[in-house]
PDB file of all heavy atoms in Angstrom:
ATOM      1  N   LEU A   1     101.170 103.475  89.640  1.00  0.00           N
ATOM      2  CA  LEU A   1     101.330 104.875  90.029  1.00  0.00           C
ATOM      3  C   LEU A   1     102.785 105.314  89.908  1.00  0.00           C
ATOM      4  O   LEU A   1     103.068 106.420  89.419  1.00  0.00           O
ATOM      5  CB  LEU A   1     100.841 105.072  91.469  1.00  0.00           C
ATOM      6  CG  LEU A   1     100.969 106.488  92.043  1.00  0.00           C
ATOM      7  CD1 LEU A   1     100.131 107.478  91.244  1.00  0.00           C
ATOM      8  CD2 LEU A   1     100.570 106.510  93.515  1.00  0.00           C
ATOM      9  N   VAL A   2     103.710 104.472  90.328  1.00  0.00           N
ATOM     10  CA  VAL A   2     105.132 104.805  90.216  1.00  0.00           C
ATOM     11  C   VAL A   2     105.505 105.037  88.758  1.00  0.00           C
ATOM     12  O   VAL A   2     106.204 106.007  88.422  1.00  0.00           O
ATOM     13  CB  VAL A   2     106.003 103.694  90.840  1.00  0.00           C
ATOM     14  CG1 VAL A   2     107.472 103.886  90.462  1.00  0.00           C
ATOM     15  CG2 VAL A   2     105.850 103.699  92.358  1.00  0.00           C
ATOM     16  N   ALA A   3     105.033 104.157  87.872  1.00  0.00           N
ATOM     17  CA  ALA A   3     105.346 104.310  86.447  1.00  0.00           C
ATOM     18  C   ALA A   3     104.790 105.627  85.899  1.00  0.00           C
ATOM     19  O   ALA A   3     105.462 106.326  85.128  1.00  0.00           O
ATOM     20  CB  ALA A   3     104.786 103.128  85.660  1.00  0.00           C
ATOM     21  N   ILE A   4     103.580 105.971  86.305  1.00  0.00           N
ATOM     22  CA  ILE A   4     102.965 107.219  85.853  1.00  0.00           C
ATOM     23  C   ILE A   4     103.766 108.418  86.357  1.00  0.00           C
ATOM     24  O   ILE A   4     104.093 109.342  85.595  1.00  0.00           O
ATOM     25  CB  ILE A   4     101.507 107.315  86.348  1.00  0.00           C
ATOM     26  CG1 ILE A   4     100.635 106.243  85.685  1.00  0.00           C
ATOM     27  CG2 ILE A   4     100.938 108.707  86.083  1.00  0.00           C
ATOM     28  CD1 ILE A   4     100.443 106.425  84.214  1.00  0.00           C
ATOM     29  N   LEU A   5     104.087 108.419  87.649  1.00  0.00           N
ATOM     30  CA  LEU A   5     104.793 109.563  88.230  1.00  0.00           C
ATOM     31  C   LEU A   5     106.195 109.713  87.646  1.00  0.00           C
ATOM     32  O   LEU A   5     106.637 110.828  87.342  1.00  0.00           O
ATOM     33  CB  LEU A   5     104.859 109.411  89.747  1.00  0.00           C
ATOM     34  CG  LEU A   5     103.517 109.513  90.480  1.00  0.00           C
ATOM     35  CD1 LEU A   5     103.704 109.271  91.978  1.00  0.00           C
ATOM     36  CD2 LEU A   5     102.845 110.857  90.242  1.00  0.00           C
ATOM     37  N   VAL A   6     106.905 108.591  87.498  1.00  0.00           N
ATOM     38  CA  VAL A   6     108.264 108.657  86.946  1.00  0.00           C
ATOM     39  C   VAL A   6     108.240 109.206  85.523  1.00  0.00           C
ATOM     40  O   VAL A   6     109.102 110.006  85.130  1.00  0.00           O
ATOM     41  CB  VAL A   6     108.932 107.268  86.996  1.00  0.00           C
ATOM     42  CG1 VAL A   6     110.220 107.251  86.180  1.00  0.00           C
ATOM     43  CG2 VAL A   6     109.226 106.875  88.447  1.00  0.00           C
ATOM     44  N   SER A   7     107.220 108.825  84.737  1.00  0.00           N
ATOM     45  CA  SER A   7     107.116 109.338  83.365  1.00  0.00           C
ATOM     46  C   SER A   7     106.889 110.840  83.340  1.00  0.00           C
ATOM     47  O   SER A   7     107.125 111.496  82.329  1.00  0.00           O
ATOM     48  CB  SER A   7     105.990 108.624  82.612  1.00  0.00           C
ATOM     49  OG  SER A   7     104.714 109.075  83.046  1.00  0.00           O
ATOM     50  N   ARG A   8     106.440 111.388  84.479  1.00  0.00           N
ATOM     51  CA  ARG A   8     106.185 112.827  84.583  1.00  0.00           C
ATOM     52  C   ARG A   8     107.244 113.546  85.415  1.00  0.00           C
ATOM     53  O   ARG A   8     107.041 114.673  85.863  1.00  0.00           O
ATOM     54  CB  ARG A   8     104.788 113.053  85.165  1.00  0.00           C
ATOM     55  CG  ARG A   8     103.693 112.737  84.136  1.00  0.00           C
ATOM     56  CD  ARG A   8     102.418 112.288  84.800  1.00  0.00           C
ATOM     57  NE  ARG A   8     101.341 112.091  83.809  1.00  0.00           N
ATOM     58  CZ  ARG A   8     101.245 111.031  83.005  1.00  0.00           C
ATOM     59  NH1 ARG A   8     102.156 110.068  83.075  1.00  0.00           N
ATOM     60  NH2 ARG A   8     100.253 110.923  82.132  1.00  0.00           N
ATOM     61  N   GLY A   9     108.356 112.853  85.654  1.00  0.00           N
ATOM     62  CA  GLY A   9     109.478 113.477  86.333  1.00  0.00           C
ATOM     63  C   GLY A   9     109.412 113.479  87.841  1.00  0.00           C
ATOM     64  O   GLY A   9     110.205 114.159  88.501  1.00  0.00           O
ATOM     65  N   VAL A  10     108.484 112.727  88.439  1.00  0.00           N
ATOM     66  CA  VAL A  10     108.376 112.645  89.896  1.00  0.00           C
ATOM     67  C   VAL A  10     109.109 111.387  90.343  1.00  0.00           C
ATOM     68  O   VAL A  10     108.792 110.287  89.896  1.00  0.00           O
ATOM     69  CB  VAL A  10     106.905 112.586  90.350  1.00  0.00           C
ATOM     70  CG1 VAL A  10     106.818 112.490  91.876  1.00  0.00           C
ATOM     71  CG2 VAL A  10     106.146 113.803  89.830  1.00  0.00           C
ATOM     72  N   PRO A  11     110.094 111.496  91.226  1.00  0.00           N
ATOM     73  CA  PRO A  11     110.881 110.317  91.624  1.00  0.00           C
ATOM     74  C   PRO A  11     110.065 109.300  92.414  1.00  0.00           C
ATOM     75  O   PRO A  11     109.163 109.659  93.180  1.00  0.00           O
ATOM     76  CB  PRO A  11     112.007 110.911  92.484  1.00  0.00           C
ATOM     77  CG  PRO A  11     111.456 112.209  92.978  1.00  0.00           C
ATOM     78  CD  PRO A  11     110.576 112.733  91.873  1.00  0.00           C
ATOM     79  N   ALA A  12     110.402 108.037  92.242  1.00  0.00           N
ATOM     80  CA  ALA A  12     109.689 106.953  92.920  1.00  0.00           C
ATOM     81  C   ALA A  12     109.799 107.052  94.426  1.00  0.00           C
ATOM     82  O   ALA A  12     108.929 106.546  95.148  1.00  0.00           O
ATOM     83  CB  ALA A  12     110.228 105.599  92.445  1.00  0.00           C
ATOM     84  N   VAL A  13     110.836 107.720  94.908  1.00  0.00           N
ATOM     85  CA  VAL A  13     111.046 107.800  96.349  1.00  0.00           C
ATOM     86  C   VAL A  13     109.887 108.498  97.046  1.00  0.00           C
ATOM     87  O   VAL A  13     109.614 108.261  98.222  1.00  0.00           O
ATOM     88  CB  VAL A  13     112.386 108.502  96.663  1.00  0.00           C
ATOM     89  CG1 VAL A  13     112.340 109.983  96.283  1.00  0.00           C
ATOM     90  CG2 VAL A  13     112.756 108.340  98.132  1.00  0.00           C
ATOM     91  N   THR A  14     109.181 109.384  96.346  1.00  0.00           N
ATOM     92  CA  THR A  14     108.046 110.056  96.983  1.00  0.00           C
ATOM     93  C   THR A  14     106.958 109.058  97.356  1.00  0.00           C
ATOM     94  O   THR A  14     106.301 109.203  98.395  1.00  0.00           O
ATOM     95  CB  THR A  14     107.459 111.136  96.063  1.00  0.00           C
ATOM     96  OG1 THR A  14     107.028 110.529  94.831  1.00  0.00           O
ATOM     97  CG2 THR A  14     108.485 112.215  95.755  1.00  0.00           C
ATOM     98  N   VAL A  15     106.755 108.049  96.520  1.00  0.00           N
ATOM     99  CA  VAL A  15     105.785 107.005  96.847  1.00  0.00           C
ATOM    100  C   VAL A  15     106.323 106.123  97.959  1.00  0.00           C
ATOM    101  O   VAL A  15     105.597 105.765  98.901  1.00  0.00           O
ATOM    102  CB  VAL A  15     105.456 106.152  95.603  1.00  0.00           C
ATOM    103  CG1 VAL A  15     104.496 105.019  95.968  1.00  0.00           C
ATOM    104  CG2 VAL A  15     104.842 107.021  94.504  1.00  0.00           C
ATOM    105  N   ALA A  16     107.605 105.779  97.884  1.00  0.00           N
ATOM    106  CA  ALA A  16     108.205 104.921  98.904  1.00  0.00           C
ATOM    107  C   ALA A  16     108.095 105.541 100.290  1.00  0.00           C
ATOM    108  O   ALA A  16     107.772 104.859 101.273  1.00  0.00           O
ATOM    109  CB  ALA A  16     109.669 104.639  98.558  1.00  0.00           C
ATOM    110  N   THR A  17     108.385 106.842 100.390  1.00  0.00           N
ATOM    111  CA  THR A  17     108.320 107.487 101.700  1.00  0.00           C
ATOM    112  C   THR A  17     106.886 107.576 102.213  1.00  0.00           C
ATOM    113  O   THR A  17     106.652 107.459 103.421  1.00  0.00           O
ATOM    114  CB  THR A  17     108.931 108.903 101.635  1.00  0.00           C
ATOM    115  OG1 THR A  17     108.271 109.659 100.612  1.00  0.00           O
ATOM    116  CG2 THR A  17     110.412 108.838 101.343  1.00  0.00           C
ATOM    117  N   THR A  18     105.935 107.755 101.311  1.00  0.00           N
ATOM    118  CA  THR A  18     104.530 107.791 101.734  1.00  0.00           C
ATOM    119  C   THR A  18     104.077 106.427 102.236  1.00  0.00           C
ATOM    120  O   THR A  18     103.368 106.325 103.244  1.00  0.00           O
ATOM    121  CB  THR A  18     103.636 108.259 100.579  1.00  0.00           C
ATOM    122  OG1 THR A  18     103.994 109.597 100.216  1.00  0.00           O
ATOM    123  CG2 THR A  18     102.161 108.231 100.982  1.00  0.00           C
ATOM    124  N   LEU A  19     104.492 105.366 101.570  1.00  0.00           N
ATOM    125  CA  LEU A  19     104.153 104.024 102.037  1.00  0.00           C
ATOM    126  C   LEU A  19     104.770 103.756 103.407  1.00  0.00           C
ATOM    127  O   LEU A  19     104.148 103.146 104.278  1.00  0.00           O
ATOM    128  CB  LEU A  19     104.640 102.978 101.032  1.00  0.00           C
ATOM    129  CG  LEU A  19     103.999 103.002  99.649  1.00  0.00           C
ATOM    130  CD1 LEU A  19     104.650 101.950  98.756  1.00  0.00           C
ATOM    131  CD2 LEU A  19     102.501 102.774  99.732  1.00  0.00           C
ATOM    132  N   GLU A  20     105.996 104.227 103.576  1.00  0.00           N
ATOM    133  CA  GLU A  20     106.665 104.052 104.870  1.00  0.00           C
ATOM    134  C   GLU A  20     105.893 104.790 105.963  1.00  0.00           C
ATOM    135  O   GLU A  20     105.666 104.261 107.061  1.00  0.00           O
ATOM    136  CB  GLU A  20     108.092 104.579 104.789  1.00  0.00           C
ATOM    137  CG  GLU A  20     108.880 104.421 106.079  1.00  0.00           C
ATOM    138  CD  GLU A  20     110.262 105.044 105.976  1.00  0.00           C
ATOM    139  OE1 GLU A  20     110.663 105.413 104.859  1.00  0.00           O
ATOM    140  OE2 GLU A  20     110.917 105.180 107.027  1.00  0.00           O
ATOM    141  N   HIS A  21     105.461 106.012 105.662  1.00  0.00           N
ATOM    142  CA  HIS A  21     104.691 106.797 106.635  1.00  0.00           C
ATOM    143  C   HIS A  21     103.384 106.106 106.986  1.00  0.00           C
ATOM    144  O   HIS A  21     103.025 105.978 108.170  1.00  0.00           O
ATOM    145  CB  HIS A  21     104.417 108.190 106.078  1.00  0.00           C
ATOM    146  CG  HIS A  21     103.429 108.966 106.891  1.00  0.00           C
ATOM    147  ND1 HIS A  21     103.749 109.547 108.092  1.00  0.00           N
ATOM    148  CD2 HIS A  21     102.104 109.233 106.676  1.00  0.00           C
ATOM    149  CE1 HIS A  21     102.673 110.147 108.591  1.00  0.00           C
ATOM    150  NE2 HIS A  21     101.663 109.973 107.751  1.00  0.00           N
ATOM    151  N   LEU A  22     102.663 105.651 105.972  1.00  0.00           N
ATOM    152  CA  LEU A  22     101.386 104.973 106.232  1.00  0.00           C
ATOM    153  C   LEU A  22     101.602 103.706 107.049  1.00  0.00           C
ATOM    154  O   LEU A  22     100.779 103.358 107.906  1.00  0.00           O
ATOM    155  CB  LEU A  22     100.686 104.644 104.911  1.00  0.00           C
ATOM    156  CG  LEU A  22     100.148 105.849 104.126  1.00  0.00           C
ATOM    157  CD1 LEU A  22      99.609 105.396 102.776  1.00  0.00           C
ATOM    158  CD2 LEU A  22      99.055 106.579 104.902  1.00  0.00           C
ATOM    159  N   GLY A  23     102.702 103.023 106.800  1.00  0.00           N
ATOM    160  CA  GLY A  23     103.003 101.827 107.573  1.00  0.00           C
ATOM    161  C   GLY A  23     103.180 102.132 109.048  1.00  0.00           C
ATOM    162  O   GLY A  23     102.746 101.353 109.917  1.00  0.00           O
ATOM    163  N   ARG A  24     103.823 103.268 109.333  1.00  0.00           N
ATOM    164  CA  ARG A  24     103.993 103.650 110.731  1.00  0.00           C
ATOM    165  C   ARG A  24     102.653 104.030 111.372  1.00  0.00           C
ATOM    166  O   ARG A  24     102.341 103.620 112.492  1.00  0.00           O
ATOM    167  CB  ARG A  24     104.970 104.824 110.847  1.00  0.00           C
ATOM    168  CG  ARG A  24     106.411 104.494 110.551  1.00  0.00           C
ATOM    169  CD  ARG A  24     107.350 105.584 111.076  1.00  0.00           C
ATOM    170  NE  ARG A  24     106.969 106.904 110.568  1.00  0.00           N
ATOM    171  CZ  ARG A  24     107.422 107.430 109.435  1.00  0.00           C
ATOM    172  NH1 ARG A  24     108.243 106.719 108.677  1.00  0.00           N
ATOM    173  NH2 ARG A  24     107.057 108.629 109.059  1.00  0.00           N
ATOM    174  N   VAL A  25     101.875 104.806 110.643  1.00  0.00           N
ATOM    175  CA  VAL A  25     100.589 105.268 111.181  1.00  0.00           C
ATOM    176  C   VAL A  25      99.631 104.098 111.391  1.00  0.00           C
ATOM    177  O   VAL A  25      98.861 104.072 112.354  1.00  0.00           O
ATOM    178  CB  VAL A  25      99.970 106.320 110.236  1.00  0.00           C
ATOM    179  CG1 VAL A  25      98.563 106.690 110.702  1.00  0.00           C
ATOM    180  CG2 VAL A  25     100.842 107.568 110.168  1.00  0.00           C
ATOM    181  N   LEU A  26      99.700 103.108 110.484  1.00  0.00           N
ATOM    182  CA  LEU A  26      98.767 101.973 110.533  1.00  0.00           C
ATOM    183  C   LEU A  26      99.438 100.732 111.135  1.00  0.00           C
ATOM    184  O   LEU A  26      99.113  99.609 110.758  1.00  0.00           O
ATOM    185  CB  LEU A  26      98.248 101.670 109.120  1.00  0.00           C
ATOM    186  CG  LEU A  26      97.433 102.793 108.462  1.00  0.00           C
ATOM    187  CD1 LEU A  26      97.132 102.463 107.005  1.00  0.00           C
ATOM    188  CD2 LEU A  26      96.131 103.038 109.220  1.00  0.00           C
ATOM    189  N   HIS A  27     100.318 100.934 112.096  1.00  0.00           N
ATOM    190  CA  HIS A  27     101.044  99.806 112.675  1.00  0.00           C
ATOM    191  C   HIS A  27     100.116  98.830 113.399  1.00  0.00           C
ATOM    192  O   HIS A  27     100.437  97.645 113.556  1.00  0.00           O
ATOM    193  CB  HIS A  27     102.109 100.304 113.653  1.00  0.00           C
ATOM    194  CG  HIS A  27     101.533 101.044 114.835  1.00  0.00           C
ATOM    195  ND1 HIS A  27     101.157 100.418 115.992  1.00  0.00           N
ATOM    196  CD2 HIS A  27     101.258 102.366 115.000  1.00  0.00           C
ATOM    197  CE1 HIS A  27     100.672 101.317 116.837  1.00  0.00           C
ATOM    198  NE2 HIS A  27     100.716 102.507 116.272  1.00  0.00           N
ATOM    199  N   ASP A  28      98.923  99.319 113.812  1.00  0.00           N
ATOM    200  CA  ASP A  28      97.986  98.442 114.506  1.00  0.00           C
ATOM    201  C   ASP A  28      96.951  97.842 113.560  1.00  0.00           C
ATOM    202  O   ASP A  28      95.936  97.303 114.007  1.00  0.00           O
ATOM    203  CB  ASP A  28      97.283  99.203 115.636  1.00  0.00           C
ATOM    204  CG  ASP A  28      96.616 100.495 115.169  1.00  0.00           C
ATOM    205  OD1 ASP A  28      96.918 100.931 114.033  1.00  0.00           O
ATOM    206  OD2 ASP A  28      95.804 101.059 115.924  1.00  0.00           O
ATOM    207  N   PHE A  29      97.202  97.920 112.254  1.00  0.00           N
ATOM    208  CA  PHE A  29      96.363  97.308 111.218  1.00  0.00           C
ATOM    209  C   PHE A  29      97.194  96.192 110.573  1.00  0.00           C
ATOM    210  O   PHE A  29      97.913  96.442 109.599  1.00  0.00           O
ATOM    211  CB  PHE A  29      95.966  98.334 110.153  1.00  0.00           C
ATOM    212  CG  PHE A  29      94.923  99.323 110.571  1.00  0.00           C
ATOM    213  CD1 PHE A  29      95.115 100.145 111.669  1.00  0.00           C
ATOM    214  CD2 PHE A  29      93.745  99.449 109.849  1.00  0.00           C
ATOM    215  CE1 PHE A  29      94.164 101.068 112.048  1.00  0.00           C
ATOM    216  CE2 PHE A  29      92.776 100.376 110.212  1.00  0.00           C
ATOM    217  CZ  PHE A  29      92.979 101.186 111.325  1.00  0.00           C
ATOM    218  N   PRO A  30      97.135  94.965 111.086  1.00  0.00           N
ATOM    219  CA  PRO A  30      98.049  93.913 110.598  1.00  0.00           C
ATOM    220  C   PRO A  30      97.983  93.671 109.091  1.00  0.00           C
ATOM    221  O   PRO A  30      99.032  93.565 108.441  1.00  0.00           O
ATOM    222  CB  PRO A  30      97.606  92.672 111.383  1.00  0.00           C
ATOM    223  CG  PRO A  30      96.938  93.208 112.602  1.00  0.00           C
ATOM    224  CD  PRO A  30      96.285  94.488 112.185  1.00  0.00           C
ATOM    225  N   ARG A  31      96.767  93.559 108.552  1.00  0.00           N
ATOM    226  CA  ARG A  31      96.692  93.279 107.112  1.00  0.00           C
ATOM    227  C   ARG A  31      97.183  94.471 106.302  1.00  0.00           C
ATOM    228  O   ARG A  31      97.934  94.315 105.328  1.00  0.00           O
ATOM    229  CB  ARG A  31      95.251  92.931 106.716  1.00  0.00           C
ATOM    230  CG  ARG A  31      94.826  91.540 107.151  1.00  0.00           C
ATOM    231  CD  ARG A  31      93.590  91.050 106.395  1.00  0.00           C
ATOM    232  NE  ARG A  31      92.405  91.849 106.735  1.00  0.00           N
ATOM    233  CZ  ARG A  31      91.543  92.344 105.842  1.00  0.00           C
ATOM    234  NH1 ARG A  31      91.736  92.135 104.562  1.00  0.00           N
ATOM    235  NH2 ARG A  31      90.484  93.036 106.237  1.00  0.00           N
ATOM    236  N   ALA A  32      96.774  95.673 106.670  1.00  0.00           N
ATOM    237  CA  ALA A  32      97.217  96.862 105.951  1.00  0.00           C
ATOM    238  C   ALA A  32      98.731  97.007 106.016  1.00  0.00           C
ATOM    239  O   ALA A  32      99.376  97.352 105.009  1.00  0.00           O
ATOM    240  CB  ALA A  32      96.541  98.099 106.522  1.00  0.00           C
ATOM    241  N   ALA A  33      99.313  96.731 107.168  1.00  0.00           N
ATOM    242  CA  ALA A  33     100.770  96.831 107.310  1.00  0.00           C
ATOM    243  C   ALA A  33     101.479  95.856 106.370  1.00  0.00           C
ATOM    244  O   ALA A  33     102.491  96.196 105.750  1.00  0.00           O
ATOM    245  CB  ALA A  33     101.169  96.567 108.758  1.00  0.00           C
ATOM    246  N   ARG A  34     100.939  94.638 106.249  1.00  0.00           N
ATOM    247  CA  ARG A  34     101.544  93.655 105.331  1.00  0.00           C
ATOM    248  C   ARG A  34     101.428  94.128 103.884  1.00  0.00           C
ATOM    249  O   ARG A  34     102.371  93.974 103.096  1.00  0.00           O
ATOM    250  CB  ARG A  34     100.851  92.296 105.486  1.00  0.00           C
ATOM    251  CG  ARG A  34     101.160  91.582 106.796  1.00  0.00           C
ATOM    252  CD  ARG A  34     100.836  90.100 106.692  1.00  0.00           C
ATOM    253  NE  ARG A  34      99.456  89.854 106.277  1.00  0.00           N
ATOM    254  CZ  ARG A  34      98.429  89.757 107.103  1.00  0.00           C
ATOM    255  NH1 ARG A  34      98.607  89.931 108.408  1.00  0.00           N
ATOM    256  NH2 ARG A  34      97.211  89.504 106.659  1.00  0.00           N
ATOM    257  N   TYR A  35     100.295  94.693 103.523  1.00  0.00           N
ATOM    258  CA  TYR A  35     100.100  95.145 102.151  1.00  0.00           C
ATOM    259  C   TYR A  35     101.051  96.298 101.826  1.00  0.00           C
ATOM    260  O   TYR A  35     101.620  96.370 100.726  1.00  0.00           O
ATOM    261  CB  TYR A  35      98.662  95.611 101.931  1.00  0.00           C
ATOM    262  CG  TYR A  35      97.606  94.547 102.119  1.00  0.00           C
ATOM    263  CD1 TYR A  35      96.254  94.863 101.972  1.00  0.00           C
ATOM    264  CD2 TYR A  35      97.924  93.231 102.442  1.00  0.00           C
ATOM    265  CE1 TYR A  35      95.259  93.910 102.132  1.00  0.00           C
ATOM    266  CE2 TYR A  35      96.950  92.276 102.619  1.00  0.00           C
ATOM    267  CZ  TYR A  35      95.615  92.615 102.468  1.00  0.00           C
ATOM    268  OH  TYR A  35      94.635  91.672 102.641  1.00  0.00           O
ATOM    269  N   LEU A  36     101.210  97.213 102.777  1.00  0.00           N
ATOM    270  CA  LEU A  36     102.117  98.337 102.567  1.00  0.00           C
ATOM    271  C   LEU A  36     103.558  97.860 102.419  1.00  0.00           C
ATOM    272  O   LEU A  36     104.303  98.349 101.566  1.00  0.00           O
ATOM    273  CB  LEU A  36     101.997  99.320 103.734  1.00  0.00           C
ATOM    274  CG  LEU A  36     100.698 100.132 103.763  1.00  0.00           C
ATOM    275  CD1 LEU A  36     100.448 100.703 105.153  1.00  0.00           C
ATOM    276  CD2 LEU A  36     100.754 101.250 102.727  1.00  0.00           C
ATOM    277  N   GLU A  37     103.939  96.888 103.215  1.00  0.00           N
ATOM    278  CA  GLU A  37     105.294  96.345 103.115  1.00  0.00           C
ATOM    279  C   GLU A  37     105.497  95.629 101.777  1.00  0.00           C
ATOM    280  O   GLU A  37     106.561  95.739 101.153  1.00  0.00           O
ATOM    281  CB  GLU A  37     105.563  95.382 104.278  1.00  0.00           C
ATOM    282  CG  GLU A  37     106.988  94.858 104.330  1.00  0.00           C
ATOM    283  CD  GLU A  37     108.013  95.964 104.445  1.00  0.00           C
ATOM    284  OE1 GLU A  37     107.720  96.985 105.091  1.00  0.00           O
ATOM    285  OE2 GLU A  37     109.111  95.815 103.869  1.00  0.00           O
ATOM    286  N   ALA A  38     104.475  94.898 101.332  1.00  0.00           N
ATOM    287  CA  ALA A  38     104.568  94.220 100.033  1.00  0.00           C
ATOM    288  C   ALA A  38     104.722  95.230  98.913  1.00  0.00           C
ATOM    289  O   ALA A  38     105.483  95.020  97.957  1.00  0.00           O
ATOM    290  CB  ALA A  38     103.321  93.360  99.806  1.00  0.00           C
ATOM    291  N   ALA A  39     104.026  96.362  99.010  1.00  0.00           N
ATOM    292  CA  ALA A  39     104.135  97.393  97.978  1.00  0.00           C
ATOM    293  C   ALA A  39     105.517  98.036  97.997  1.00  0.00           C
ATOM    294  O   ALA A  39     106.100  98.319  96.940  1.00  0.00           O
ATOM    295  CB  ALA A  39     103.057  98.450  98.185  1.00  0.00           C
TER     296      ALA A  39
END
């Protein structure tokens, strides 16, 4: 997704901030939190 968005002029930071947000919202989901951090 990052490669697709960057090729269309959308900065990677938009994905990074969304992953950070989801990590906060899903803090009580241990596996999901690990996957988000890995991404």
